Amino acid sequence: MRRVERQERPMATADTYPHVIIHADGEASIEGTRYTVKHIAAEQYFYGWSAEEILRQHPDLRPAEVYAALAYFHDHHDTIVAAIEAGKTQAERARGSEPFSRDELLRRRAVTTDRRP
């Protein structure tokens, strides 16, 4: 039998990810759940959570779903990290440069409470 040289070997690729669906807008999510891959990826990216920690935080997910989402994330790392960072930047801009002080929050709470019947 002829030995296949290293450069001749076909590269293994995964065209599909079990439990992950891609929507028309290109957003990937875990099938049958409200979780996007970006949501799961952000938890690993920002908090350093392992798959096991993600499962502890989301007991409604199964291990196969989390591992499939993380596999998709790692295979599309640059694109998903760019989307996560863009969302973070947008949230920071919406929040403003200065967080509200305790007094401001209490004042807003009092105004909201006064409006209730």
Protein backbone atom coordinates (compact mmCIF):
# COMPACT_ATOMS: atom_id res chain seq x y z
CA MET A 1 0.00 0.00 0.00
CA ARG A 2 1.31 3.44 -0.94
CA ARG A 3 1.92 5.79 1.93
CA VAL A 4 0.24 9.18 1.59
CA GLU A 5 2.66 12.06 1.89
CA ARG A 6 1.85 14.74 4.44
CA GLN A 7 1.07 17.42 1.86
CA GLU A 8 -1.29 15.06 0.00
CA ARG A 9 -3.46 14.27 2.99
CA PRO A 10 -6.88 15.82 2.83
CA MET A 11 -7.51 18.41 5.50
CA ALA A 12 -10.23 17.48 7.96
CA THR A 13 -12.93 20.13 8.13
CA ALA A 14 -16.31 20.30 9.79
CA ASP A 15 -18.97 21.81 7.58
CA THR A 16 -21.70 21.45 10.16
CA TYR A 17 -21.87 21.74 13.90
CA PRO A 18 -24.41 19.56 15.66
CA HIS A 19 -26.81 21.62 17.80
CA VAL A 20 -25.72 24.91 16.16
CA ILE A 21 -27.93 26.58 13.58
CA ILE A 22 -27.03 29.54 11.39
CA HIS A 23 -29.85 32.04 10.86
CA ALA A 24 -30.44 34.04 7.68
CA ASP A 25 -28.63 37.04 9.21
CA GLY A 26 -25.53 34.90 9.81
CA GLU A 27 -26.00 34.71 13.59
CA ALA A 28 -25.27 31.25 15.03
CA SER A 29 -27.33 29.93 17.92
CA ILE A 30 -27.86 26.73 19.84
CA GLU A 31 -30.79 24.94 18.26
CA GLY A 32 -33.98 24.97 20.30
CA THR A 33 -32.70 27.54 22.80
CA ARG A 34 -32.50 31.29 23.17
CA TYR A 35 -28.69 31.20 23.39
CA THR A 36 -26.52 32.56 20.62
CA VAL A 37 -23.03 31.22 20.10
CA LYS A 38 -21.82 34.78 20.66
CA HIS A 39 -23.42 34.75 24.14
CA ILE A 40 -21.66 31.52 25.13
CA ALA A 41 -18.42 32.70 23.50
CA ALA A 42 -18.54 36.00 25.41
CA GLU A 43 -18.75 34.13 28.70
CA GLN A 44 -15.63 32.21 27.86
CA TYR A 45 -13.90 35.25 26.33
CA PHE A 46 -14.58 37.72 29.16
CA TYR A 47 -14.82 35.45 32.21
CA GLY A 48 -12.54 32.61 31.14
CA TRP A 49 -15.27 30.09 31.87
CA SER A 50 -14.67 26.49 30.88
CA ALA A 51 -17.39 24.41 29.25
CA GLU A 52 -18.09 22.90 32.67
CA GLU A 53 -18.58 26.34 34.24
CA ILE A 54 -20.87 27.40 31.40
CA LEU A 55 -22.91 24.25 32.06
CA ARG A 56 -23.11 25.13 35.77
CA GLN A 57 -24.28 28.64 34.92
CA HIS A 58 -26.81 27.39 32.34
CA PRO A 59 -28.28 24.12 33.63
CA ASP A 60 -30.81 24.16 30.79
CA LEU A 61 -28.03 23.44 28.29
CA ARG A 62 -26.63 19.99 27.57
CA PRO A 63 -22.89 19.30 27.34
CA ALA A 64 -23.09 18.50 23.62
CA GLU A 65 -24.73 21.89 22.96
CA VAL A 66 -22.08 23.83 24.86
CA TYR A 67 -19.20 21.95 23.26
CA ALA A 68 -20.71 22.46 19.79
CA ALA A 69 -21.10 26.20 20.45
CA LEU A 70 -17.52 26.45 21.71
CA ALA A 71 -16.23 24.48 18.71
CA TYR A 72 -18.03 26.90 16.40
CA PHE A 73 -16.61 29.83 18.37
CA HIS A 74 -13.03 28.57 18.14
CA ASP A 75 -13.38 27.82 14.42
CA HIS A 76 -14.74 31.35 13.79
CA HIS A 77 -12.76 33.05 16.56
CA ASP A 78 -11.75 36.30 14.86
CA THR A 79 -15.22 37.06 13.51
CA ILE A 80 -17.01 36.31 16.78
CA VAL A 81 -14.48 38.18 18.94
CA ALA A 82 -14.86 41.21 16.65
CA ALA A 83 -18.65 41.06 17.12
CA ILE A 84 -18.26 40.69 20.91
CA GLU A 85 -15.89 43.66 21.08
CA ALA A 86 -18.19 45.76 18.87
CA GLY A 87 -21.10 45.00 21.20
CA LYS A 88 -18.99 45.92 24.21
CA THR A 89 -17.98 49.22 22.63
CA GLN A 90 -21.58 50.01 21.73
CA ALA A 91 -22.73 49.24 25.28
CA GLU A 92 -20.02 51.46 26.75
CA ARG A 93 -21.06 54.33 24.48
CA ALA A 94 -24.72 53.88 25.41
CA ARG A 95 -23.85 53.80 29.09
CA GLY A 96 -21.92 57.04 28.88
CA SER A 97 -18.47 57.88 30.10
CA GLU A 98 -19.44 58.30 33.76
CA PRO A 99 -21.53 55.77 35.67
CA PHE A 100 -24.44 57.12 37.66
CA SER A 101 -23.70 57.99 41.25
CA ARG A 102 -25.62 56.37 44.08
CA ASP A 103 -27.44 59.65 44.72
CA GLU A 104 -28.49 59.90 41.07
CA LEU A 105 -29.79 56.33 41.10
CA LEU A 106 -31.77 56.97 44.30
CA ARG A 107 -33.19 60.17 42.83
CA ARG A 108 -34.30 58.32 39.70
CA ARG A 109 -35.82 55.58 41.80
CA ALA A 110 -37.79 58.14 43.82
CA VAL A 111 -39.12 59.77 40.64
CA THR A 112 -40.18 56.38 39.25
CA THR A 113 -41.82 55.39 42.53
CA ASP A 114 -43.73 58.69 42.68
CA ARG A 115 -45.31 57.99 39.28
CA ARG A 116 -46.86 54.69 40.36
CA PRO A 117 -50.58 54.76 41.29
